[in-house]
Amino acid sequence: MRTERFAPSPTGPLHLGHAFSALTAWDRTQAASGRFLLRFEDIDRSRARPEWETAILDDLRWLGLDWPTPVLRQSTRLPAYRAALETLRDRGLLFACTCTRRDIAQAATAPQEGDPPVGPDGVIYPGTCRANRLCPGAPLPANAALRLDMRAATRSCGALAFAETGPATAMDRVHVAADTLINGVGDVVLARRDLGTSYHLSVVVDDAHQGVTHVTRGADLFAATQIHVLLQHLLSVPTPSYHHHRLIRDADGRRLAKRDDARALAKYRAEGTTTAALRRLLGLGAARPSRT
């Protein structure tokens, strides 16, 4: 069965961009008589708030969406993330990193001038701590970030690819090149020292756990998908099909973020906007009835 998920972080209000993504996933799922899931990506406990969870649930119900309960929360999944990290550690693919962001930026720019090279995970890591490889069975350090040794990881993989149906690329089959991962992505963080995991790791582990077969999300995450496909291969879990949709932007062409409270769904609701009118505003057709 086709299974999709919408996975917001309860750190602020949903805006028009969230609505477009949720409704696009919902419409695609309903058209296939599939299963639509809601997941709260709340691993950052310093920013996640129960009141934002409540607001998100209210907004999604107003949009006409429904989902099975209970809702999966990433904050309950730390043992699963740790198990995935231990798998990668035992394959010799993790190293401990104590660099600060400033350390990384300085090392990435020296000795050349100009801005440091940037990939989908931020400034490309210059390899400062790569010698701190974790041996199989070694404790996972709590006072350091855990990074994936990208060169070692790609050596252990064969050809990588994923299905793509969105406007982010003209190809319907995207191949993931080892050179791009090594030089254009670098040694990504899989566990922040303050969280015990990262977005890249948790999303891969949870999509596999929930049986997600199709992922619908914004085109801004297209470049990160190659990281997820690599992790899926390393952890021996299925790779979903992806649809990276267009972004909803403001009048200046900037993509919407949670700081854009003027476009928060709660304000549209308070002003009496109907769900049908909001769908027209977003360029979506009429809603499909729920099959759940």
Protein backbone atom coordinates (compact mmCIF):
# COMPACT_ATOMS: atom_id res chain seq x y z
CA MET A 1 0.00 0.00 0.00
CA ARG A 2 1.20 3.49 -0.81
CA THR A 3 2.15 5.20 2.46
CA GLU A 4 3.04 8.88 2.77
CA ARG A 5 3.76 11.06 5.78
CA PHE A 6 3.68 14.70 6.74
CA ALA A 7 6.32 15.39 9.38
CA PRO A 8 6.30 18.93 10.81
CA SER A 9 8.43 20.16 13.69
CA PRO A 10 6.29 21.58 16.54
CA THR A 11 8.47 24.68 16.87
CA GLY A 12 6.14 27.28 15.37
CA PRO A 13 2.96 27.83 13.35
CA LEU A 14 2.19 26.13 10.07
CA HIS A 15 2.22 28.52 7.12
CA LEU A 16 1.12 28.35 3.48
CA GLY A 17 4.18 26.33 2.51
CA HIS A 18 3.36 23.67 5.08
CA ALA A 19 -0.24 23.59 3.88
CA PHE A 20 0.86 23.09 0.28
CA SER A 21 3.16 20.22 1.24
CA ALA A 22 0.61 18.51 3.50
CA LEU A 23 -2.21 18.86 0.96
CA THR A 24 -0.02 17.65 -1.90
CA ALA A 25 0.95 14.53 0.07
CA TRP A 26 -2.68 14.01 1.11
CA ASP A 27 -4.03 14.35 -2.44
CA ARG A 28 -1.43 11.97 -3.86
CA THR A 29 -2.18 9.43 -1.13
CA GLN A 30 -5.95 9.63 -1.56
CA ALA A 31 -5.63 9.25 -5.34
CA ALA A 32 -3.80 5.97 -4.76
CA SER A 33 -6.15 4.77 -1.97
CA GLY A 34 -3.11 4.85 0.28
CA ARG A 35 -2.28 5.61 3.88
CA PHE A 36 -1.47 9.12 5.16
CA LEU A 37 0.58 9.43 8.36
CA LEU A 38 1.42 12.33 10.64
CA ARG A 39 4.76 12.41 12.46
CA PHE A 40 6.12 15.06 14.81
CA GLU A 41 9.82 15.72 14.29
CA ASP A 42 10.42 16.95 17.83
CA ILE A 43 13.98 15.83 18.50
CA ASP A 44 15.01 19.41 19.33
CA ARG A 45 13.41 19.51 22.78
CA SER A 46 14.74 23.02 23.43
CA ARG A 47 12.41 24.39 20.73
CA ALA A 48 9.50 21.91 20.52
CA ARG A 49 6.38 22.99 22.43
CA PRO A 50 3.12 21.12 23.23
CA GLU A 51 1.11 24.19 22.29
CA TRP A 52 2.57 24.09 18.77
CA GLU A 53 1.61 20.42 18.47
CA THR A 54 -1.97 21.34 19.37
CA ALA A 55 -1.98 24.20 16.86
CA ILE A 56 -0.62 21.95 14.10
CA LEU A 57 -3.29 19.31 14.77
CA ASP A 58 -6.00 21.98 14.63
CA ASP A 59 -4.66 23.39 11.35
CA LEU A 60 -4.40 19.99 9.67
CA ARG A 61 -7.92 19.02 10.70
CA TRP A 62 -9.17 22.34 9.32
CA LEU A 63 -7.47 21.45 6.02
CA GLY A 64 -9.57 18.27 5.96
CA LEU A 65 -6.79 15.79 6.71
CA ASP A 66 -6.95 12.78 9.01
CA TRP A 67 -4.46 10.14 10.07
CA PRO A 68 -4.06 7.05 12.29
CA THR A 69 -3.34 7.58 15.95
CA PRO A 70 -1.27 7.68 18.04
CA VAL A 71 1.03 10.08 16.21
CA LEU A 72 4.68 9.04 16.14
CA ARG A 73 6.99 11.47 17.94
CA GLN A 74 10.70 11.34 17.27
CA SER A 75 11.41 12.17 20.91
CA THR A 76 10.28 8.61 21.74
CA ARG A 77 12.58 7.03 19.17
CA LEU A 78 16.06 7.73 20.58
CA PRO A 79 16.83 4.02 21.19
CA ALA A 80 16.15 3.29 17.50
CA TYR A 81 18.48 6.09 16.40
CA ARG A 82 21.17 4.84 18.77
CA ALA A 83 20.84 1.33 17.32
CA ALA A 84 21.33 2.75 13.81
CA LEU A 85 24.41 4.66 14.96
CA GLU A 86 25.82 1.49 16.51
CA THR A 87 25.32 -0.34 13.21
CA LEU A 88 27.28 2.33 11.36
CA ARG A 89 29.93 2.41 14.10
CA ASP A 90 30.45 -1.33 13.84
CA ARG A 91 31.02 -0.93 10.12
CA GLY A 92 33.80 1.60 10.84
CA LEU A 93 31.90 4.51 9.31
CA LEU A 94 31.59 6.96 12.24
CA PHE A 95 34.03 9.34 13.86
CA ALA A 96 33.73 11.70 16.82
CA CYS A 97 33.95 15.42 16.05
CA THR A 98 34.52 18.17 18.62
CA CYS A 99 34.74 21.04 16.11
CA THR A 100 32.59 24.12 16.59
CA ARG A 101 30.91 25.82 13.64
CA ARG A 102 33.57 28.50 13.80
CA ASP A 103 36.33 25.88 13.74
CA ILE A 104 34.79 24.31 10.64
CA ALA A 105 34.34 27.61 8.82
CA GLN A 106 37.93 28.66 9.54
CA ALA A 107 39.39 25.30 8.50
CA ALA A 108 37.25 25.17 5.37
CA THR A 109 38.43 28.57 4.14
CA ALA A 110 42.14 28.29 4.93
CA PRO A 111 44.43 28.88 3.15
CA GLN A 112 42.27 30.20 0.32
CA GLU A 113 40.19 33.37 0.57
CA GLY A 114 36.45 33.71 0.19
CA ASP A 115 33.46 31.89 1.54
CA PRO A 116 33.82 28.23 2.54
CA PRO A 117 32.28 25.62 0.21
CA VAL A 118 28.69 24.80 1.14
CA GLY A 119 26.68 21.64 0.50
CA PRO A 120 23.17 20.49 1.43
CA ASP A 121 24.29 19.99 5.05
CA GLY A 122 25.95 23.40 5.35
CA VAL A 123 29.68 24.15 5.18
CA ILE A 124 31.44 21.07 3.82
CA TYR A 125 33.41 19.54 6.66
CA PRO A 126 37.19 19.76 6.08
CA GLY A 127 37.99 16.48 7.84
CA THR A 128 39.64 17.89 10.95
CA CYS A 129 38.55 15.07 13.32
CA ARG A 130 38.31 12.25 10.79
CA ALA A 131 41.09 10.33 12.54
CA ASN A 132 38.82 9.92 15.59
CA ARG A 133 37.16 6.86 14.08
CA LEU A 134 35.01 4.83 16.45
CA CYS A 135 36.04 1.19 16.73
CA PRO A 136 33.39 -1.55 16.61
CA GLY A 137 31.77 -1.89 20.03
CA ALA A 138 33.23 1.38 21.32
CA PRO A 139 30.94 3.59 23.46
CA LEU A 140 29.18 6.37 21.58
CA PRO A 141 30.62 9.56 23.07
CA ALA A 142 28.13 12.02 24.57
CA ASN A 143 30.44 15.04 24.38
CA ALA A 144 31.03 15.00 20.63
CA ALA A 145 29.10 15.03 17.39
CA LEU A 146 29.14 11.82 15.36
CA ARG A 147 29.95 12.23 11.68
CA LEU A 148 29.74 9.80 8.78
CA ASP A 149 33.06 9.21 7.04
CA MET A 150 31.71 9.86 3.58
CA ARG A 151 34.66 8.45 1.66
CA ALA A 152 34.54 5.19 3.62
CA ALA A 153 30.73 5.04 3.33
CA THR A 154 30.71 5.41 -0.44
CA ARG A 155 33.41 2.75 -0.81
CA SER A 156 31.06 0.26 0.84
CA CYS A 157 28.19 1.00 -1.56
CA GLY A 158 27.36 0.07 -5.08
CA ALA A 159 25.38 2.23 -7.46
CA LEU A 160 22.81 4.44 -5.71
CA ALA A 161 19.69 5.95 -7.24
CA PHE A 162 16.15 7.03 -6.39
CA ALA A 163 12.87 7.64 -8.20
CA GLU A 164 11.85 11.30 -8.49
CA THR A 165 8.56 12.67 -9.86
CA GLY A 166 8.80 16.34 -8.84
CA PRO A 167 9.95 19.49 -10.66
CA ALA A 168 13.32 19.55 -8.86
CA THR A 169 14.86 17.61 -11.75
CA ALA A 170 13.97 16.66 -15.30
CA MET A 171 15.00 13.05 -14.57
CA ASP A 172 12.64 10.42 -13.22
CA ARG A 173 15.58 8.34 -12.00
CA VAL A 174 18.28 10.23 -10.14
CA HIS A 175 21.70 8.63 -9.76
CA VAL A 176 23.78 9.45 -6.70
CA ALA A 177 27.47 9.85 -7.52
CA ALA A 178 30.15 8.97 -4.98
CA ASP A 179 32.25 11.98 -6.00
CA THR A 180 29.31 14.31 -5.36
CA LEU A 181 28.75 12.84 -1.91
CA ILE A 182 32.45 13.10 -1.03
CA ASN A 183 33.20 16.54 -2.47
CA GLY A 184 29.80 18.20 -2.57
CA VAL A 185 28.30 16.92 0.70
CA GLY A 186 31.14 15.78 2.93
CA ASP A 187 31.13 14.10 6.33
CA VAL A 188 27.59 14.84 7.53
CA VAL A 189 26.60 14.95 11.19
CA LEU A 190 24.47 11.93 12.14
CA ALA A 191 24.24 12.74 15.85
CA ARG A 192 24.54 16.18 17.37
CA ARG A 193 26.14 16.19 20.79
CA ASP A 194 23.05 17.80 22.35
CA LEU A 195 20.44 15.60 20.61
CA GLY A 196 21.89 12.14 20.09
CA THR A 197 20.66 12.11 16.49
CA SER A 198 20.17 14.37 13.49
CA TYR A 199 17.50 15.12 10.91
CA HIS A 200 19.21 12.94 8.30
CA LEU A 201 19.44 9.88 10.52
CA SER A 202 16.06 10.16 12.21
CA VAL A 203 14.10 10.71 9.00
CA VAL A 204 15.64 7.63 7.39
CA VAL A 205 15.11 5.42 10.45
CA ASP A 206 11.52 6.59 10.95
CA ASP A 207 10.48 6.33 7.30
CA ALA A 208 11.65 2.71 7.35
CA HIS A 209 9.94 2.04 10.69
CA GLN A 210 6.62 3.41 9.44
CA GLY A 211 6.76 1.69 6.06
CA VAL A 212 6.80 4.95 4.11
CA THR A 213 6.83 4.18 0.39
CA HIS A 214 6.53 7.72 -1.01
CA VAL A 215 7.93 10.99 0.32
CA THR A 216 6.43 14.34 -0.68
CA ARG A 217 8.38 17.43 0.38
CA GLY A 218 9.73 20.75 -0.86
CA ALA A 219 12.32 21.17 -3.58
CA ASP A 220 14.65 22.73 -0.98
CA LEU A 221 15.25 19.21 0.36
CA PHE A 222 16.08 17.67 -3.01
CA ALA A 223 19.85 17.98 -2.47
CA ALA A 224 19.58 16.25 0.92
CA THR A 225 17.91 13.21 -0.61
CA GLN A 226 21.24 11.78 -1.78
CA ILE A 227 22.32 11.65 1.89
CA HIS A 228 19.14 9.80 2.80
CA VAL A 229 19.52 7.31 -0.04
CA LEU A 230 23.07 6.56 1.08
CA LEU A 231 21.94 5.99 4.68
CA GLN A 232 19.09 3.77 3.50
CA HIS A 233 21.62 1.62 1.69
CA LEU A 234 24.03 1.52 4.65
CA LEU A 235 21.22 0.56 7.05
CA SER A 236 19.67 -1.95 4.61
CA VAL A 237 16.24 -0.30 4.55
CA PRO A 238 14.06 0.47 1.49
CA THR A 239 14.38 3.68 -0.50
CA PRO A 240 11.01 5.40 -1.01
CA SER A 241 9.99 7.20 -4.18
CA TYR A 242 10.34 10.97 -3.89
CA HIS A 243 8.31 13.94 -5.06
CA HIS A 244 9.98 17.30 -4.41
CA HIS A 245 7.35 19.93 -5.10
CA ARG A 246 7.63 23.61 -5.89
CA LEU A 247 8.06 26.03 -3.02
CA ILE A 248 5.57 28.65 -1.89
CA ARG A 249 7.35 32.00 -1.85
CA ASP A 250 6.63 35.51 -0.62
CA ALA A 251 6.37 38.64 -2.78
CA ASP A 252 10.17 38.97 -2.80
CA GLY A 253 10.69 35.41 -4.02
CA ARG A 254 11.88 34.04 -0.69
CA ARG A 255 10.58 30.67 0.46
CA LEU A 256 8.31 30.88 3.48
CA ALA A 257 9.65 30.01 6.92
CA LYS A 258 8.12 29.83 10.38
CA ARG A 259 9.09 33.46 10.96
CA ASP A 260 6.45 34.38 8.37
CA ASP A 261 3.62 34.61 10.88
CA ALA A 262 1.62 36.83 8.53
CA ARG A 263 1.06 33.72 6.41
CA ALA A 264 0.29 31.41 9.33
CA LEU A 265 -2.70 29.17 8.68
CA ALA A 266 -4.27 30.23 11.99
CA LYS A 267 -4.59 33.78 10.67
CA TYR A 268 -6.32 32.61 7.50
CA ARG A 269 -8.70 30.59 9.65
CA ALA A 270 -9.38 33.56 11.93
CA GLU A 271 -10.15 35.74 8.92
CA GLY A 272 -12.79 33.27 7.75
CA THR A 273 -10.90 31.78 4.81
CA THR A 274 -12.38 28.46 3.77
CA THR A 275 -10.30 25.40 3.04
CA ALA A 276 -11.53 25.46 -0.55
CA ALA A 277 -10.40 29.07 -0.92
CA LEU A 278 -7.00 28.23 0.53
CA ARG A 279 -6.60 25.36 -1.92
CA ARG A 280 -7.36 27.75 -4.79
CA LEU A 281 -4.82 30.23 -3.38
CA LEU A 282 -2.20 27.48 -3.44
CA GLY A 283 -3.09 26.40 -6.97
CA LEU A 284 -4.56 23.07 -5.89
CA GLY A 285 -7.72 21.46 -7.20
CA ALA A 286 -10.76 20.46 -5.22
CA ALA A 287 -10.20 18.19 -2.23
CA ARG A 288 -10.54 14.45 -2.55
CA PRO A 289 -12.69 12.80 0.13
CA SER A 290 -10.93 10.80 2.82
CA ARG A 291 -10.74 7.05 2.26
CA THR A 292 -9.78 6.28 5.86
